[in-house]
Amino acid sequence: MTQERIIKIQADYRDPGLLERIAANFRRFWVDIKWLNMDCNSGNCVIYMSLYDGHGLENLDLSIITLSKMIDIDNIEELDGCEYKKFELKYNKSKKYEWGVMSE
């Protein structure tokens, strides 16, 4: 059974490796990240993540507890009854890169 949870992480941003360290924590426990959204203002970051146990190992609780012990993490909230829409982005023009070459 796939169990999905949405969490809110409040963290201190001191270097660009913050998201790498958070993602590595979940990779260590074989927990998949479905989507994430991050907003940083003057060193304080709020990160929303959707996590799910696609392998059925039941490591979600352990991965969240382990993440809460990291140095840059202030706190983690598990959100119940959360509704979200898919990522919507409006743009006028774009450039496409494939294998280091821009194509039109």
C-alpha atoms as a PDB file:
ATOM      1  CA  MET A   1       0.000   0.000   0.000  1.00  0.00           C
ATOM      2  CA  THR A   2       1.353   3.406  -0.975  1.00  0.00           C
ATOM      3  CA  GLN A   3       1.101   5.869   1.851  1.00  0.00           C
ATOM      4  CA  GLU A   4       1.598   9.547   1.002  1.00  0.00           C
ATOM      5  CA  ARG A   5       2.297  12.307   3.510  1.00  0.00           C
ATOM      6  CA  ILE A   6       2.749  16.032   3.105  1.00  0.00           C
ATOM      7  CA  ILE A   7       5.212  17.707   5.443  1.00  0.00           C
ATOM      8  CA  LYS A   8       6.255  21.296   6.106  1.00  0.00           C
ATOM      9  CA  ILE A   9       9.921  21.857   6.973  1.00  0.00           C
ATOM     10  CA  GLN A  10      11.277  25.067   8.475  1.00  0.00           C
ATOM     11  CA  ALA A  11      15.035  25.336   8.043  1.00  0.00           C
ATOM     12  CA  ASP A  12      17.955  27.762   8.141  1.00  0.00           C
ATOM     13  CA  TYR A  13      19.490  28.367   4.724  1.00  0.00           C
ATOM     14  CA  ARG A  14      23.261  28.631   4.957  1.00  0.00           C
ATOM     15  CA  ASP A  15      24.386  26.965   1.731  1.00  0.00           C
ATOM     16  CA  PRO A  16      22.931  25.514  -1.487  1.00  0.00           C
ATOM     17  CA  GLY A  17      23.381  21.971  -0.188  1.00  0.00           C
ATOM     18  CA  LEU A  18      20.316  22.215   2.066  1.00  0.00           C
ATOM     19  CA  LEU A  19      17.977  20.502  -0.404  1.00  0.00           C
ATOM     20  CA  GLU A  20      20.624  17.883  -1.204  1.00  0.00           C
ATOM     21  CA  ARG A  21      20.978  16.966   2.462  1.00  0.00           C
ATOM     22  CA  ILE A  22      17.193  16.755   2.873  1.00  0.00           C
ATOM     23  CA  ALA A  23      16.778  14.602  -0.257  1.00  0.00           C
ATOM     24  CA  ALA A  24      19.704  12.364   0.795  1.00  0.00           C
ATOM     25  CA  ASN A  25      17.950  11.701   4.100  1.00  0.00           C
ATOM     26  CA  PHE A  26      14.917  10.310   2.278  1.00  0.00           C
ATOM     27  CA  ARG A  27      17.016   8.382  -0.271  1.00  0.00           C
ATOM     28  CA  ARG A  28      18.794   6.682   2.624  1.00  0.00           C
ATOM     29  CA  PHE A  29      15.468   5.206   3.775  1.00  0.00           C
ATOM     30  CA  TRP A  30      14.116   4.514   0.247  1.00  0.00           C
ATOM     31  CA  VAL A  31      11.350   7.104   0.650  1.00  0.00           C
ATOM     32  CA  ASP A  32      10.261   8.738  -2.606  1.00  0.00           C
ATOM     33  CA  ILE A  33       9.709  12.479  -3.013  1.00  0.00           C
ATOM     34  CA  LYS A  34       6.705  13.179  -5.232  1.00  0.00           C
ATOM     35  CA  TRP A  35       7.028  16.976  -5.280  1.00  0.00           C
ATOM     36  CA  LEU A  36       8.513  19.816  -3.248  1.00  0.00           C
ATOM     37  CA  ASN A  37       8.093  23.563  -3.016  1.00  0.00           C
ATOM     38  CA  MET A  38      10.591  25.879  -1.316  1.00  0.00           C
ATOM     39  CA  ASP A  39      10.433  29.538  -0.326  1.00  0.00           C
ATOM     40  CA  CYS A  40      13.408  31.310   1.291  1.00  0.00           C
ATOM     41  CA  ASN A  41      13.402  34.779   2.825  1.00  0.00           C
ATOM     42  CA  SER A  42      16.511  36.193   4.521  1.00  0.00           C
ATOM     43  CA  GLY A  43      17.942  32.837   5.538  1.00  0.00           C
ATOM     44  CA  ASN A  44      14.714  31.200   6.703  1.00  0.00           C
ATOM     45  CA  CYS A  45      13.261  28.549   4.402  1.00  0.00           C
ATOM     46  CA  VAL A  46       9.891  26.878   4.344  1.00  0.00           C
ATOM     47  CA  ILE A  47       9.798  23.653   2.351  1.00  0.00           C
ATOM     48  CA  TYR A  48       6.667  21.679   1.537  1.00  0.00           C
ATOM     49  CA  MET A  49       7.211  18.076   0.440  1.00  0.00           C
ATOM     50  CA  SER A  50       5.013  15.185  -0.595  1.00  0.00           C
ATOM     51  CA  LEU A  51       6.551  11.876   0.480  1.00  0.00           C
ATOM     52  CA  TYR A  52       5.384   8.363  -0.229  1.00  0.00           C
ATOM     53  CA  ASP A  53       6.509   4.847   0.492  1.00  0.00           C
ATOM     54  CA  GLY A  54       6.517   3.316  -2.962  1.00  0.00           C
ATOM     55  CA  HIS A  55       8.504   0.256  -1.895  1.00  0.00           C
ATOM     56  CA  GLY A  56       6.320  -0.696   1.081  1.00  0.00           C
ATOM     57  CA  LEU A  57       9.184  -0.558   3.598  1.00  0.00           C
ATOM     58  CA  GLU A  58       7.275   1.594   6.118  1.00  0.00           C
ATOM     59  CA  ASN A  59      10.229   3.943   6.653  1.00  0.00           C
ATOM     60  CA  LEU A  60       8.303   7.236   6.485  1.00  0.00           C
ATOM     61  CA  ASP A  61       8.196   7.795  10.248  1.00  0.00           C
ATOM     62  CA  LEU A  62      11.858   6.922  10.694  1.00  0.00           C
ATOM     63  CA  SER A  63      12.962   9.198   7.842  1.00  0.00           C
ATOM     64  CA  ILE A  64      10.976  12.162   9.207  1.00  0.00           C
ATOM     65  CA  ILE A  65      12.360  11.679  12.730  1.00  0.00           C
ATOM     66  CA  THR A  66      15.911  11.409  11.377  1.00  0.00           C
ATOM     67  CA  LEU A  67      15.446  14.582   9.304  1.00  0.00           C
ATOM     68  CA  SER A  68      14.270  16.489  12.385  1.00  0.00           C
ATOM     69  CA  LYS A  69      17.675  15.817  13.996  1.00  0.00           C
ATOM     70  CA  MET A  70      19.658  17.590  11.253  1.00  0.00           C
ATOM     71  CA  ILE A  71      21.512  20.772  12.165  1.00  0.00           C
ATOM     72  CA  ASP A  72      19.785  23.176   9.730  1.00  0.00           C
ATOM     73  CA  ILE A  73      16.245  21.915  10.411  1.00  0.00           C
ATOM     74  CA  ASP A  74      14.217  23.973  12.904  1.00  0.00           C
ATOM     75  CA  ASN A  75      11.055  21.863  12.877  1.00  0.00           C
ATOM     76  CA  ILE A  76       8.891  19.569  10.773  1.00  0.00           C
ATOM     77  CA  GLU A  77       5.092  19.510  10.673  1.00  0.00           C
ATOM     78  CA  GLU A  78       3.051  16.715   9.160  1.00  0.00           C
ATOM     79  CA  LEU A  79       0.004  18.229   7.454  1.00  0.00           C
ATOM     80  CA  ASP A  80      -3.283  16.334   7.544  1.00  0.00           C
ATOM     81  CA  GLY A  81      -6.161  17.042   5.177  1.00  0.00           C
ATOM     82  CA  CYS A  82      -3.994  19.159   2.896  1.00  0.00           C
ATOM     83  CA  GLU A  83      -5.314  20.080  -0.550  1.00  0.00           C
ATOM     84  CA  TYR A  84      -2.983  21.128  -3.320  1.00  0.00           C
ATOM     85  CA  LYS A  85      -3.149  21.888  -7.009  1.00  0.00           C
ATOM     86  CA  LYS A  86      -0.635  20.800  -9.570  1.00  0.00           C
ATOM     87  CA  PHE A  87       2.180  23.230 -10.272  1.00  0.00           C
ATOM     88  CA  GLU A  88       0.891  25.914 -12.629  1.00  0.00           C
ATOM     89  CA  LEU A  89       3.232  28.210 -14.519  1.00  0.00           C
ATOM     90  CA  LYS A  90       2.473  30.745 -17.207  1.00  0.00           C
ATOM     91  CA  TYR A  91       5.159  31.906 -19.608  1.00  0.00           C
ATOM     92  CA  ASN A  92       5.464  33.654 -22.970  1.00  0.00           C
ATOM     93  CA  LYS A  93       8.613  32.159 -24.433  1.00  0.00           C
ATOM     94  CA  SER A  94      11.046  29.352 -23.687  1.00  0.00           C
ATOM     95  CA  LYS A  95      14.404  27.934 -24.759  1.00  0.00           C
ATOM     96  CA  LYS A  96      14.999  24.210 -25.004  1.00  0.00           C
ATOM     97  CA  TYR A  97      18.393  22.590 -24.426  1.00  0.00           C
ATOM     98  CA  GLU A  98      19.208  19.026 -25.429  1.00  0.00           C
ATOM     99  CA  TRP A  99      22.654  17.546 -24.919  1.00  0.00           C
ATOM    100  CA  GLY A 100      24.249  20.967 -24.435  1.00  0.00           C
ATOM    101  CA  VAL A 101      22.794  22.464 -27.591  1.00  0.00           C
ATOM    102  CA  MET A 102      19.939  24.931 -27.730  1.00  0.00           C
ATOM    103  CA  SER A 103      17.149  23.863 -30.075  1.00  0.00           C
ATOM    104  CA  GLU A 104      14.147  25.870 -31.147  1.00  0.00           C
END
